[in-house]
C-alpha atoms as a PDB file:
ATOM      1  CA  MET A   1     -36.703  13.964 -42.817  1.00  0.00           C
ATOM      2  CA  ASP A   2     -37.896  11.424 -40.258  1.00  0.00           C
ATOM      3  CA  GLU A   3     -37.126  12.375 -36.629  1.00  0.00           C
ATOM      4  CA  GLN A   4     -35.435   9.015 -35.926  1.00  0.00           C
ATOM      5  CA  ALA A   5     -33.237   9.148 -39.035  1.00  0.00           C
ATOM      6  CA  LYS A   6     -31.973  12.673 -38.345  1.00  0.00           C
ATOM      7  CA  LEU A   7     -28.328  12.895 -37.281  1.00  0.00           C
ATOM      8  CA  THR A   8     -27.564  15.717 -34.907  1.00  0.00           C
ATOM      9  CA  ARG A   9     -24.194  17.197 -34.179  1.00  0.00           C
ATOM     10  CA  ARG A  10     -24.456  15.925 -30.595  1.00  0.00           C
ATOM     11  CA  SER A  11     -25.120  12.327 -31.672  1.00  0.00           C
ATOM     12  CA  MET A  12     -22.255  12.483 -34.187  1.00  0.00           C
ATOM     13  CA  LEU A  13     -19.839  13.737 -31.506  1.00  0.00           C
ATOM     14  CA  ARG A  14     -21.052  11.086 -29.069  1.00  0.00           C
ATOM     15  CA  CYS A  15     -20.440   8.330 -31.634  1.00  0.00           C
ATOM     16  CA  ALA A  16     -17.000   9.738 -32.486  1.00  0.00           C
ATOM     17  CA  ALA A  17     -16.053   9.841 -28.786  1.00  0.00           C
ATOM     18  CA  LEU A  18     -17.223   6.253 -28.259  1.00  0.00           C
ATOM     19  CA  LEU A  19     -15.302   5.074 -31.307  1.00  0.00           C
ATOM     20  CA  ALA A  20     -12.129   6.869 -30.200  1.00  0.00           C
ATOM     21  CA  GLY A  21     -12.460   5.486 -26.669  1.00  0.00           C
ATOM     22  CA  GLY A  22     -13.001   1.960 -27.938  1.00  0.00           C
ATOM     23  CA  THR A  23     -10.001   2.208 -30.224  1.00  0.00           C
ATOM     24  CA  LEU A  24      -7.839   3.503 -27.376  1.00  0.00           C
ATOM     25  CA  ALA A  25      -9.026   0.761 -25.020  1.00  0.00           C
ATOM     26  CA  ALA A  26      -8.318  -1.922 -27.625  1.00  0.00           C
ATOM     27  CA  GLY A  27      -4.729  -0.703 -27.889  1.00  0.00           C
ATOM     28  CA  VAL A  28      -4.207  -0.675 -24.118  1.00  0.00           C
ATOM     29  CA  ILE A  29      -5.770  -4.029 -23.204  1.00  0.00           C
ATOM     30  CA  GLN A  30      -3.217  -6.827 -23.267  1.00  0.00           C
ATOM     31  CA  ILE A  31      -4.349 -10.176 -24.577  1.00  0.00           C
ATOM     32  CA  LYS A  32      -2.754 -13.190 -22.931  1.00  0.00           C
ATOM     33  CA  PRO A  33      -1.729 -16.021 -25.221  1.00  0.00           C
ATOM     34  CA  ALA A  34      -3.571 -19.325 -24.956  1.00  0.00           C
ATOM     35  CA  TYR A  35      -0.398 -21.014 -23.756  1.00  0.00           C
ATOM     36  CA  ALA A  36      -0.140 -18.908 -20.566  1.00  0.00           C
ATOM     37  CA  GLN A  37       0.751 -21.926 -18.424  1.00  0.00           C
ATOM     38  CA  LYS A  38       4.023 -23.537 -19.449  1.00  0.00           C
ATOM     39  CA  ALA A  39       4.466 -27.283 -19.751  1.00  0.00           C
ATOM     40  CA  GLY A  40       7.159 -29.282 -17.989  1.00  0.00           C
ATOM     41  CA  LYS A  41      10.135 -30.569 -19.970  1.00  0.00           C
ATOM     42  CA  GLU A  42       9.225 -34.191 -19.291  1.00  0.00           C
ATOM     43  CA  ALA A  43       5.677 -33.724 -20.554  1.00  0.00           C
ATOM     44  CA  VAL A  44       6.878 -32.420 -23.946  1.00  0.00           C
ATOM     45  CA  LYS A  45       9.830 -34.855 -24.235  1.00  0.00           C
ATOM     46  CA  TYR A  46      12.386 -32.013 -24.247  1.00  0.00           C
ATOM     47  CA  GLN A  47      15.958 -32.941 -25.147  1.00  0.00           C
ATOM     48  CA  ASP A  48      19.118 -30.790 -25.385  1.00  0.00           C
ATOM     49  CA  SER A  49      19.928 -31.947 -28.922  1.00  0.00           C
ATOM     50  CA  PRO A  50      18.124 -31.415 -32.257  1.00  0.00           C
ATOM     51  CA  LYS A  51      15.849 -34.079 -33.730  1.00  0.00           C
ATOM     52  CA  ASP A  52      15.517 -34.677 -37.479  1.00  0.00           C
ATOM     53  CA  GLY A  53      16.972 -31.233 -38.218  1.00  0.00           C
ATOM     54  CA  GLN A  54      14.480 -29.510 -35.921  1.00  0.00           C
ATOM     55  CA  LYS A  55      15.908 -27.318 -33.141  1.00  0.00           C
ATOM     56  CA  CYS A  56      14.516 -24.785 -30.689  1.00  0.00           C
ATOM     57  CA  ALA A  57      16.270 -21.821 -32.339  1.00  0.00           C
ATOM     58  CA  ASP A  58      14.065 -22.406 -35.423  1.00  0.00           C
ATOM     59  CA  CYS A  59      10.847 -22.785 -33.388  1.00  0.00           C
ATOM     60  CA  LEU A  60       8.075 -20.193 -33.174  1.00  0.00           C
ATOM     61  CA  TYR A  61       7.991 -20.442 -29.365  1.00  0.00           C
ATOM     62  CA  PHE A  62      11.734 -20.001 -28.730  1.00  0.00           C
ATOM     63  CA  GLN A  63      12.700 -16.807 -26.908  1.00  0.00           C
ATOM     64  CA  ALA A  64      16.389 -15.953 -27.244  1.00  0.00           C
ATOM     65  CA  PRO A  65      18.775 -16.451 -25.604  1.00  0.00           C
ATOM     66  CA  GLY A  66      17.469 -19.514 -23.755  1.00  0.00           C
ATOM     67  CA  SER A  67      13.778 -19.707 -22.895  1.00  0.00           C
ATOM     68  CA  CYS A  68      10.522 -20.851 -24.425  1.00  0.00           C
ATOM     69  CA  ALA A  69       6.979 -19.485 -24.441  1.00  0.00           C
ATOM     70  CA  VAL A  70       5.446 -22.931 -23.838  1.00  0.00           C
ATOM     71  CA  VAL A  71       8.098 -24.969 -21.967  1.00  0.00           C
ATOM     72  CA  GLU A  72       9.297 -24.031 -18.494  1.00  0.00           C
ATOM     73  CA  GLY A  73      12.946 -23.682 -17.495  1.00  0.00           C
ATOM     74  CA  ALA A  74      16.136 -23.016 -19.403  1.00  0.00           C
ATOM     75  CA  ILE A  75      16.066 -24.096 -23.046  1.00  0.00           C
ATOM     76  CA  SER A  76      19.016 -24.779 -25.333  1.00  0.00           C
ATOM     77  CA  PRO A  77      18.844 -23.175 -28.805  1.00  0.00           C
ATOM     78  CA  ASN A  78      19.905 -26.602 -30.111  1.00  0.00           C
ATOM     79  CA  GLY A  79      17.258 -28.463 -28.090  1.00  0.00           C
ATOM     80  CA  TRP A  80      13.988 -30.013 -29.286  1.00  0.00           C
ATOM     81  CA  CYS A  81      10.558 -30.916 -27.885  1.00  0.00           C
ATOM     82  CA  SER A  82       7.300 -32.386 -29.168  1.00  0.00           C
ATOM     83  CA  LEU A  83       5.714 -28.908 -29.407  1.00  0.00           C
ATOM     84  CA  TYR A  84       8.183 -27.815 -32.094  1.00  0.00           C
ATOM     85  CA  ASN A  85       6.550 -25.407 -34.556  1.00  0.00           C
ATOM     86  CA  LYS A  86       8.788 -24.081 -37.333  1.00  0.00           C
ATOM     87  CA  LYS A  87       8.905 -20.303 -37.750  1.00  0.00           C
ATOM     88  CA  SER A  88       7.412 -19.168 -41.023  1.00  0.00           C
END
C-alpha cells in the first residue's frame, strides 16, 4: 500500500476528533437572522387593523403576545404592515 494512502489509527482519531469538535461548534454558534435591525412602524405602513384579511397573528414574523421580529414596538395581533408574510 502506498505510504500516502495508508490510514493510521492516529490519523483516524484525529479526523474523528475534528469532526466531533466541528459538529459541537456548529450546534453552539448562534446565527443571527438577516432582519436583525427592526424597521419603524411608519416605514412599513403599520396599522392596528387587518388589511384584506391579512393580520399580524397570521404572519411569520409575529411573536406572541404582541411583538414582531421585523417591526419595532408593540404590535397588535390584529394589525398589519407591508412586510406581512403568511405562515405556511
